[in-house]
Full PDB file with SEQRES, HELIX, SHEET, SSBOND, CRYST1, ORIGX, SCALE, CONECT and MASTER records, all heavy atoms in Angstrom:
SEQRES   1 A   39  LEU SER LEU ALA ALA ALA ALA LYS PRO HIS GLY VAL ILE          
SEQRES   2 A   39  ALA GLU SER GLY THR GLY SER GLY VAL GLY THR ALA TRP          
SEQRES   3 A   39  LEU HIS SER GLY LEU GLY ALA GLY ALA ARG LEU VAL THR          
HELIX    1 AA1 SER A    2  ALA A    6  1                                   5    
HELIX    2 AA2 VAL A   22  SER A   29  1                                   8    
SHEET    1 AA1 2 VAL A  12  ALA A  14  0                                        
SHEET    2 AA1 2 ARG A  36  VAL A  38  1                                        
CRYST1    1.000    1.000    1.000  90.00  90.00  90.00 P 1           1          
ORIGX1      1.000000  0.000000  0.000000        0.00000                         
ORIGX2      0.000000  1.000000  0.000000        0.00000                         
ORIGX3      0.000000  0.000000  1.000000        0.00000                         
SCALE1      1.000000  0.000000  0.000000        0.00000                         
SCALE2      0.000000  1.000000  0.000000        0.00000                         
SCALE3      0.000000  0.000000  1.000000        0.00000                         
ATOM      1  N   LEU A   1      54.850  68.657  13.024  1.00  0.00           N  
ATOM      2  CA  LEU A   1      55.997  67.747  13.056  1.00  0.00           C  
ATOM      3  C   LEU A   1      55.776  66.556  12.136  1.00  0.00           C  
ATOM      4  O   LEU A   1      56.671  66.159  11.388  1.00  0.00           O  
ATOM      5  CB  LEU A   1      56.253  67.264  14.491  1.00  0.00           C  
ATOM      6  CG  LEU A   1      56.643  68.333  15.496  1.00  0.00           C  
ATOM      7  CD1 LEU A   1      56.780  67.713  16.877  1.00  0.00           C  
ATOM      8  CD2 LEU A   1      57.914  69.047  15.086  1.00  0.00           C  
ATOM      9  N   SER A   2      54.578  65.987  12.179  1.00  0.00           N  
ATOM     10  CA  SER A   2      54.259  64.855  11.315  1.00  0.00           C  
ATOM     11  C   SER A   2      54.350  65.239   9.840  1.00  0.00           C  
ATOM     12  O   SER A   2      54.928  64.518   9.025  1.00  0.00           O  
ATOM     13  CB  SER A   2      52.852  64.344  11.646  1.00  0.00           C  
ATOM     14  OG  SER A   2      52.523  63.234  10.856  1.00  0.00           O  
ATOM     15  N   LEU A   3      53.796  66.394   9.497  1.00  0.00           N  
ATOM     16  CA  LEU A   3      53.842  66.908   8.125  1.00  0.00           C  
ATOM     17  C   LEU A   3      55.284  67.127   7.670  1.00  0.00           C  
ATOM     18  O   LEU A   3      55.651  66.756   6.555  1.00  0.00           O  
ATOM     19  CB  LEU A   3      53.046  68.218   8.066  1.00  0.00           C  
ATOM     20  CG  LEU A   3      52.987  69.009   6.766  1.00  0.00           C  
ATOM     21  CD1 LEU A   3      51.727  69.861   6.769  1.00  0.00           C  
ATOM     22  CD2 LEU A   3      54.199  69.898   6.583  1.00  0.00           C  
ATOM     23  N   ALA A   4      56.105  67.739   8.540  1.00  0.00           N  
ATOM     24  CA  ALA A   4      57.501  68.017   8.179  1.00  0.00           C  
ATOM     25  C   ALA A   4      58.249  66.717   7.892  1.00  0.00           C  
ATOM     26  O   ALA A   4      58.968  66.606   6.898  1.00  0.00           O  
ATOM     27  CB  ALA A   4      58.192  68.800   9.286  1.00  0.00           C  
ATOM     28  N   ALA A   5      58.066  65.726   8.750  1.00  0.00           N  
ATOM     29  CA  ALA A   5      58.729  64.429   8.538  1.00  0.00           C  
ATOM     30  C   ALA A   5      58.248  63.784   7.244  1.00  0.00           C  
ATOM     31  O   ALA A   5      59.046  63.258   6.464  1.00  0.00           O  
ATOM     32  CB  ALA A   5      58.485  63.509   9.732  1.00  0.00           C  
ATOM     33  N   ALA A   6      56.938  63.832   6.997  1.00  0.00           N  
ATOM     34  CA  ALA A   6      56.373  63.224   5.793  1.00  0.00           C  
ATOM     35  C   ALA A   6      56.881  63.901   4.525  1.00  0.00           C  
ATOM     36  O   ALA A   6      56.998  63.272   3.472  1.00  0.00           O  
ATOM     37  CB  ALA A   6      54.840  63.285   5.847  1.00  0.00           C  
ATOM     38  N   ALA A   7      57.214  65.197   4.621  1.00  0.00           N  
ATOM     39  CA  ALA A   7      57.687  65.960   3.460  1.00  0.00           C  
ATOM     40  C   ALA A   7      59.120  65.597   3.079  1.00  0.00           C  
ATOM     41  O   ALA A   7      59.587  65.966   2.002  1.00  0.00           O  
ATOM     42  CB  ALA A   7      57.596  67.462   3.745  1.00  0.00           C  
ATOM     43  N   LYS A   8      59.815  64.887   3.950  1.00  0.00           N  
ATOM     44  CA  LYS A   8      61.213  64.512   3.711  1.00  0.00           C  
ATOM     45  C   LYS A   8      61.364  63.000   3.878  1.00  0.00           C  
ATOM     46  O   LYS A   8      61.990  62.517   4.822  1.00  0.00           O  
ATOM     47  CB  LYS A   8      62.132  65.257   4.701  1.00  0.00           C  
ATOM     48  CG  LYS A   8      61.991  66.773   4.681  1.00  0.00           C  
ATOM     49  CD  LYS A   8      62.577  67.388   3.428  1.00  0.00           C  
ATOM     50  CE  LYS A   8      62.513  68.912   3.471  1.00  0.00           C  
ATOM     51  NZ  LYS A   8      63.199  69.509   2.320  1.00  0.00           N  
ATOM     52  N   PRO A   9      60.773  62.214   2.951  1.00  0.00           N  
ATOM     53  CA  PRO A   9      60.653  60.764   3.144  1.00  0.00           C  
ATOM     54  C   PRO A   9      61.967  59.988   3.119  1.00  0.00           C  
ATOM     55  O   PRO A   9      61.991  58.815   3.506  1.00  0.00           O  
ATOM     56  CB  PRO A   9      59.742  60.324   2.000  1.00  0.00           C  
ATOM     57  CG  PRO A   9      59.881  61.386   0.963  1.00  0.00           C  
ATOM     58  CD  PRO A   9      60.123  62.665   1.717  1.00  0.00           C  
ATOM     59  N   HIS A  10      63.060  60.626   2.698  1.00  0.00           N  
ATOM     60  CA  HIS A  10      64.353  59.933   2.663  1.00  0.00           C  
ATOM     61  C   HIS A  10      65.395  60.638   3.518  1.00  0.00           C  
ATOM     62  O   HIS A  10      66.578  60.338   3.420  1.00  0.00           O  
ATOM     63  CB  HIS A  10      64.855  59.812   1.222  1.00  0.00           C  
ATOM     64  CG  HIS A  10      63.899  59.081   0.338  1.00  0.00           C  
ATOM     65  ND1 HIS A  10      63.715  57.723   0.412  1.00  0.00           N  
ATOM     66  CD2 HIS A  10      63.043  59.535  -0.604  1.00  0.00           C  
ATOM     67  CE1 HIS A  10      62.783  57.365  -0.463  1.00  0.00           C  
ATOM     68  NE2 HIS A  10      62.357  58.447  -1.087  1.00  0.00           N  
ATOM     69  N   GLY A  11      64.953  61.586   4.332  1.00  0.00           N  
ATOM     70  CA  GLY A  11      65.899  62.415   5.062  1.00  0.00           C  
ATOM     71  C   GLY A  11      66.204  61.928   6.462  1.00  0.00           C  
ATOM     72  O   GLY A  11      65.575  60.999   6.975  1.00  0.00           O  
ATOM     73  N   VAL A  12      67.176  62.580   7.061  1.00  0.00           N  
ATOM     74  CA  VAL A  12      67.459  62.366   8.477  1.00  0.00           C  
ATOM     75  C   VAL A  12      66.680  63.422   9.253  1.00  0.00           C  
ATOM     76  O   VAL A  12      66.846  64.624   9.038  1.00  0.00           O  
ATOM     77  CB  VAL A  12      68.966  62.485   8.789  1.00  0.00           C  
ATOM     78  CG1 VAL A  12      69.219  62.256  10.281  1.00  0.00           C  
ATOM     79  CG2 VAL A  12      69.767  61.494   7.957  1.00  0.00           C  
ATOM     80  N   ILE A  13      65.800  62.943  10.121  1.00  0.00           N  
ATOM     81  CA  ILE A  13      64.943  63.785  10.937  1.00  0.00           C  
ATOM     82  C   ILE A  13      65.540  63.794  12.338  1.00  0.00           C  
ATOM     83  O   ILE A  13      65.822  62.725  12.889  1.00  0.00           O  
ATOM     84  CB  ILE A  13      63.506  63.212  11.002  1.00  0.00           C  
ATOM     85  CG1 ILE A  13      63.006  62.763   9.628  1.00  0.00           C  
ATOM     86  CG2 ILE A  13      62.566  64.194  11.688  1.00  0.00           C  
ATOM     87  CD1 ILE A  13      62.856  63.807   8.588  1.00  0.00           C  
ATOM     88  N   ALA A  14      65.744  64.973  12.927  1.00  0.00           N  
ATOM     89  CA  ALA A  14      66.385  65.048  14.236  1.00  0.00           C  
ATOM     90  C   ALA A  14      65.521  65.809  15.228  1.00  0.00           C  
ATOM     91  O   ALA A  14      64.735  66.684  14.851  1.00  0.00           O  
ATOM     92  CB  ALA A  14      67.744  65.734  14.119  1.00  0.00           C  
ATOM     93  N   GLU A  15      65.709  65.445  16.499  1.00  0.00           N  
ATOM     94  CA  GLU A  15      65.030  66.140  17.587  1.00  0.00           C  
ATOM     95  C   GLU A  15      66.010  66.333  18.729  1.00  0.00           C  
ATOM     96  O   GLU A  15      66.669  65.386  19.154  1.00  0.00           O  
ATOM     97  CB  GLU A  15      63.840  65.312  18.066  1.00  0.00           C  
ATOM     98  CG  GLU A  15      63.099  65.914  19.249  1.00  0.00           C  
ATOM     99  CD  GLU A  15      62.028  64.997  19.809  1.00  0.00           C  
ATOM    100  OE1 GLU A  15      62.249  63.760  19.853  1.00  0.00           O  
ATOM    101  OE2 GLU A  15      60.968  65.500  20.204  1.00  0.00           O  
ATOM    102  N   SER A  16      66.079  67.548  19.224  1.00  0.00           N  
ATOM    103  CA  SER A  16      66.846  67.856  20.422  1.00  0.00           C  
ATOM    104  C   SER A  16      65.863  68.039  21.562  1.00  0.00           C  
ATOM    105  O   SER A  16      65.010  68.919  21.499  1.00  0.00           O  
ATOM    106  CB  SER A  16      67.661  69.136  20.208  1.00  0.00           C  
ATOM    107  OG  SER A  16      68.182  69.595  21.433  1.00  0.00           O  
ATOM    108  N   GLY A  17      65.957  67.182  22.583  1.00  0.00           N  
ATOM    109  CA  GLY A  17      65.031  67.251  23.713  1.00  0.00           C  
ATOM    110  C   GLY A  17      63.883  66.280  23.565  1.00  0.00           C  
ATOM    111  O   GLY A  17      62.748  66.671  23.324  1.00  0.00           O  
ATOM    112  N   THR A  18      64.181  64.983  23.686  1.00  0.00           N  
ATOM    113  CA  THR A  18      63.162  63.940  23.542  1.00  0.00           C  
ATOM    114  C   THR A  18      62.057  64.104  24.573  1.00  0.00           C  
ATOM    115  O   THR A  18      60.870  63.946  24.254  1.00  0.00           O  
ATOM    116  CB  THR A  18      63.801  62.545  23.739  1.00  0.00           C  
ATOM    117  OG1 THR A  18      65.017  62.470  23.020  1.00  0.00           O  
ATOM    118  CG2 THR A  18      62.839  61.449  23.314  1.00  0.00           C  
ATOM    119  N   GLY A  19      62.451  64.414  25.820  1.00  0.00           N  
ATOM    120  CA  GLY A  19      61.467  64.521  26.901  1.00  0.00           C  
ATOM    121  C   GLY A  19      60.698  63.227  27.057  1.00  0.00           C  
ATOM    122  O   GLY A  19      61.274  62.133  27.024  1.00  0.00           O  
ATOM    123  N   SER A  20      59.383  63.326  27.163  1.00  0.00           N  
ATOM    124  CA  SER A  20      58.556  62.131  27.325  1.00  0.00           C  
ATOM    125  C   SER A  20      58.275  61.438  25.994  1.00  0.00           C  
ATOM    126  O   SER A  20      57.589  60.426  25.952  1.00  0.00           O  
ATOM    127  CB  SER A  20      57.246  62.494  28.027  1.00  0.00           C  
ATOM    128  OG  SER A  20      56.541  63.448  27.250  1.00  0.00           O  
ATOM    129  N   GLY A  21      58.777  61.995  24.891  1.00  0.00           N  
ATOM    130  CA  GLY A  21      58.660  61.333  23.591  1.00  0.00           C  
ATOM    131  C   GLY A  21      57.450  61.725  22.775  1.00  0.00           C  
ATOM    132  O   GLY A  21      57.181  61.120  21.738  1.00  0.00           O  
ATOM    133  N   VAL A  22      56.713  62.747  23.195  1.00  0.00           N  
ATOM    134  CA  VAL A  22      55.517  63.166  22.456  1.00  0.00           C  
ATOM    135  C   VAL A  22      55.888  63.694  21.070  1.00  0.00           C  
ATOM    136  O   VAL A  22      55.337  63.268  20.053  1.00  0.00           O  
ATOM    137  CB  VAL A  22      54.697  64.210  23.250  1.00  0.00           C  
ATOM    138  CG1 VAL A  22      53.537  64.743  22.418  1.00  0.00           C  
ATOM    139  CG2 VAL A  22      54.194  63.608  24.552  1.00  0.00           C  
ATOM    140  N   GLY A  23      56.855  64.613  21.025  1.00  0.00           N  
ATOM    141  CA  GLY A  23      57.312  65.135  19.732  1.00  0.00           C  
ATOM    142  C   GLY A  23      57.920  64.042  18.877  1.00  0.00           C  
ATOM    143  O   GLY A  23      57.704  63.984  17.664  1.00  0.00           O  
ATOM    144  N   THR A  24      58.654  63.136  19.525  1.00  0.00           N  
ATOM    145  CA  THR A  24      59.264  62.008  18.818  1.00  0.00           C  
ATOM    146  C   THR A  24      58.177  61.171  18.138  1.00  0.00           C  
ATOM    147  O   THR A  24      58.315  60.765  16.982  1.00  0.00           O  
ATOM    148  CB  THR A  24      60.065  61.121  19.803  1.00  0.00           C  
ATOM    149  OG1 THR A  24      60.806  61.951  20.694  1.00  0.00           O  
ATOM    150  CG2 THR A  24      60.998  60.190  19.059  1.00  0.00           C  
ATOM    151  N   ALA A  25      57.094  60.910  18.862  1.00  0.00           N  
ATOM    152  CA  ALA A  25      55.992  60.106  18.322  1.00  0.00           C  
ATOM    153  C   ALA A  25      55.334  60.800  17.130  1.00  0.00           C  
ATOM    154  O   ALA A  25      54.998  60.152  16.131  1.00  0.00           O  
ATOM    155  CB  ALA A  25      54.963  59.820  19.414  1.00  0.00           C  
ATOM    156  N   TRP A  26      55.161  62.120  17.224  1.00  0.00           N  
ATOM    157  CA  TRP A  26      54.585  62.855  16.093  1.00  0.00           C  
ATOM    158  C   TRP A  26      55.517  62.808  14.882  1.00  0.00           C  
ATOM    159  O   TRP A  26      55.060  62.591  13.755  1.00  0.00           O  
ATOM    160  CB  TRP A  26      54.295  64.309  16.477  1.00  0.00           C  
ATOM    161  CG  TRP A  26      52.996  64.495  17.205  1.00  0.00           C  
ATOM    162  CD1 TRP A  26      52.825  64.756  18.537  1.00  0.00           C  
ATOM    163  CD2 TRP A  26      51.681  64.453  16.632  1.00  0.00           C  
ATOM    164  NE1 TRP A  26      51.485  64.873  18.807  1.00  0.00           N  
ATOM    165  CE2 TRP A  26      50.761  64.703  17.670  1.00  0.00           C  
ATOM    166  CE3 TRP A  26      51.206  64.233  15.337  1.00  0.00           C  
ATOM    167  CZ2 TRP A  26      49.381  64.736  17.453  1.00  0.00           C  
ATOM    168  CZ3 TRP A  26      49.838  64.272  15.121  1.00  0.00           C  
ATOM    169  CH2 TRP A  26      48.938  64.512  16.172  1.00  0.00           C  
ATOM    170  N   LEU A  27      56.809  63.010  15.095  1.00  0.00           N  
ATOM    171  CA  LEU A  27      57.768  62.906  13.986  1.00  0.00           C  
ATOM    172  C   LEU A  27      57.722  61.496  13.393  1.00  0.00           C  
ATOM    173  O   LEU A  27      57.710  61.322  12.176  1.00  0.00           O  
ATOM    174  CB  LEU A  27      59.182  63.230  14.473  1.00  0.00           C  
ATOM    175  CG  LEU A  27      59.466  64.692  14.813  1.00  0.00           C  
ATOM    176  CD1 LEU A  27      60.767  64.812  15.605  1.00  0.00           C  
ATOM    177  CD2 LEU A  27      59.520  65.556  13.554  1.00  0.00           C  
ATOM    178  N   HIS A  28      57.667  60.501  14.258  1.00  0.00           N  
ATOM    179  CA  HIS A  28      57.631  59.099  13.835  1.00  0.00           C  
ATOM    180  C   HIS A  28      56.389  58.804  12.995  1.00  0.00           C  
ATOM    181  O   HIS A  28      56.442  58.031  12.036  1.00  0.00           O  
ATOM    182  CB  HIS A  28      57.697  58.188  15.062  1.00  0.00           C  
ATOM    183  CG  HIS A  28      57.775  56.741  14.743  1.00  0.00           C  
ATOM    184  ND1 HIS A  28      56.679  55.908  14.825  1.00  0.00           N  
ATOM    185  CD2 HIS A  28      58.813  55.981  14.330  1.00  0.00           C  
ATOM    186  CE1 HIS A  28      57.056  54.681  14.481  1.00  0.00           C  
ATOM    187  NE2 HIS A  28      58.334  54.699  14.174  1.00  0.00           N  
ATOM    188  N   SER A  29      55.278  59.462  13.338  1.00  0.00           N  
ATOM    189  CA  SER A  29      54.021  59.212  12.619  1.00  0.00           C  
ATOM    190  C   SER A  29      54.105  59.626  11.151  1.00  0.00           C  
ATOM    191  O   SER A  29      53.364  59.106  10.319  1.00  0.00           O  
ATOM    192  CB  SER A  29      52.848  59.915  13.304  1.00  0.00           C  
ATOM    193  OG  SER A  29      52.901  61.314  13.104  1.00  0.00           O  
ATOM    194  N   GLY A  30      55.017  60.554  10.824  1.00  0.00           N  
ATOM    195  CA  GLY A  30      55.181  60.978   9.434  1.00  0.00           C  
ATOM    196  C   GLY A  30      56.422  60.411   8.771  1.00  0.00           C  
ATOM    197  O   GLY A  30      56.731  60.743   7.627  1.00  0.00           O  
ATOM    198  N   LEU A  31      57.141  59.548   9.487  1.00  0.00           N  
ATOM    199  CA  LEU A  31      58.455  59.077   9.032  1.00  0.00           C  
ATOM    200  C   LEU A  31      58.346  58.165   7.815  1.00  0.00           C  
ATOM    201  O   LEU A  31      57.630  57.169   7.848  1.00  0.00           O  
ATOM    202  CB  LEU A  31      59.148  58.334  10.185  1.00  0.00           C  
ATOM    203  CG  LEU A  31      60.660  58.143  10.084  1.00  0.00           C  
ATOM    204  CD1 LEU A  31      61.380  59.479  10.109  1.00  0.00           C  
ATOM    205  CD2 LEU A  31      61.143  57.252  11.226  1.00  0.00           C  
ATOM    206  N   GLY A  32      59.057  58.529   6.743  1.00  0.00           N  
ATOM    207  CA  GLY A  32      59.051  57.716   5.528  1.00  0.00           C  
ATOM    208  C   GLY A  32      59.862  56.441   5.704  1.00  0.00           C  
ATOM    209  O   GLY A  32      60.724  56.349   6.585  1.00  0.00           O  
ATOM    210  N   ALA A  33      59.583  55.479   4.828  1.00  0.00           N  
ATOM    211  CA  ALA A  33      60.274  54.184   4.898  1.00  0.00           C  
ATOM    212  C   ALA A  33      61.781  54.345   4.736  1.00  0.00           C  
ATOM    213  O   ALA A  33      62.556  53.584   5.315  1.00  0.00           O  
ATOM    214  CB  ALA A  33      59.726  53.242   3.825  1.00  0.00           C  
ATOM    215  N   GLY A  34      62.193  55.367   3.967  1.00  0.00           N  
ATOM    216  CA  GLY A  34      63.620  55.569   3.729  1.00  0.00           C  
ATOM    217  C   GLY A  34      64.245  56.626   4.619  1.00  0.00           C  
ATOM    218  O   GLY A  34      65.379  57.035   4.401  1.00  0.00           O  
ATOM    219  N   ALA A  35      63.506  57.075   5.622  1.00  0.00           N  
ATOM    220  CA  ALA A  35      64.000  58.140   6.500  1.00  0.00           C  
ATOM    221  C   ALA A  35      64.579  57.556   7.782  1.00  0.00           C  
ATOM    222  O   ALA A  35      64.408  56.374   8.092  1.00  0.00           O  
ATOM    223  CB  ALA A  35      62.870  59.109   6.835  1.00  0.00           C  
ATOM    224  N   ARG A  36      65.255  58.410   8.521  1.00  0.00           N  
ATOM    225  CA  ARG A  36      65.869  58.037   9.784  1.00  0.00           C  
ATOM    226  C   ARG A  36      65.481  59.095  10.790  1.00  0.00           C  
ATOM    227  O   ARG A  36      65.446  60.285  10.460  1.00  0.00           O  
ATOM    228  CB  ARG A  36      67.370  58.052   9.539  1.00  0.00           C  
ATOM    229  CG  ARG A  36      68.236  57.666  10.662  1.00  0.00           C  
ATOM    230  CD  ARG A  36      68.913  56.330  10.388  1.00  0.00           C  
ATOM    231  NE  ARG A  36      69.350  55.828  11.670  1.00  0.00           N  
ATOM    232  CZ  ARG A  36      70.578  55.990  12.136  1.00  0.00           C  
ATOM    233  NH1 ARG A  36      71.501  56.549  11.404  1.00  0.00           N  
ATOM    234  NH2 ARG A  36      70.877  55.539  13.338  1.00  0.00           N  
ATOM    235  N   LEU A  37      65.178  58.702  12.023  1.00  0.00           N  
ATOM    236  CA  LEU A  37      64.836  59.635  13.096  1.00  0.00           C  
ATOM    237  C   LEU A  37      65.825  59.459  14.233  1.00  0.00           C  
ATOM    238  O   LEU A  37      65.998  58.351  14.742  1.00  0.00           O  
ATOM    239  CB  LEU A  37      63.404  59.381  13.580  1.00  0.00           C  
ATOM    240  CG  LEU A  37      62.917  60.122  14.834  1.00  0.00           C  
ATOM    241  CD1 LEU A  37      63.025  61.632  14.679  1.00  0.00           C  
ATOM    242  CD2 LEU A  37      61.472  59.733  15.144  1.00  0.00           C  
ATOM    243  N   VAL A  38      66.486  60.539  14.599  1.00  0.00           N  
ATOM    244  CA  VAL A  38      67.431  60.499  15.715  1.00  0.00           C  
ATOM    245  C   VAL A  38      67.048  61.598  16.703  1.00  0.00           C  
ATOM    246  O   VAL A  38      66.830  62.739  16.322  1.00  0.00           O  
ATOM    247  CB  VAL A  38      68.904  60.615  15.236  1.00  0.00           C  
ATOM    248  CG1 VAL A  38      69.123  61.865  14.420  1.00  0.00           C  
ATOM    249  CG2 VAL A  38      69.865  60.558  16.399  1.00  0.00           C  
ATOM    250  N   THR A  39      66.919  61.202  17.971  1.00  0.00           N  
ATOM    251  CA  THR A  39      66.509  62.132  19.016  1.00  0.00           C  
ATOM    252  C   THR A  39      67.470  62.004  20.188  1.00  0.00           C  
ATOM    253  O   THR A  39      68.025  60.923  20.426  1.00  0.00           O  
ATOM    254  CB  THR A  39      65.040  61.891  19.433  1.00  0.00           C  
ATOM    255  OG1 THR A  39      64.667  62.839  20.445  1.00  0.00           O  
ATOM    256  CG2 THR A  39      64.803  60.486  19.957  1.00  0.00           C  
TER     257      THR A  39                                                      
MASTER        0    0    0    2    2    0    0    6  256    1    0    3          
END                                                                             
């Protein structure tokens, strides 16, 4: 998840099923400065 987010530094990154936020945190760890994360 971190790698995928990092590979798209200006993209919109989405997650269906936040749950306790573990996947969200991994996506966030790779999130580029110009990217957006919506869960």
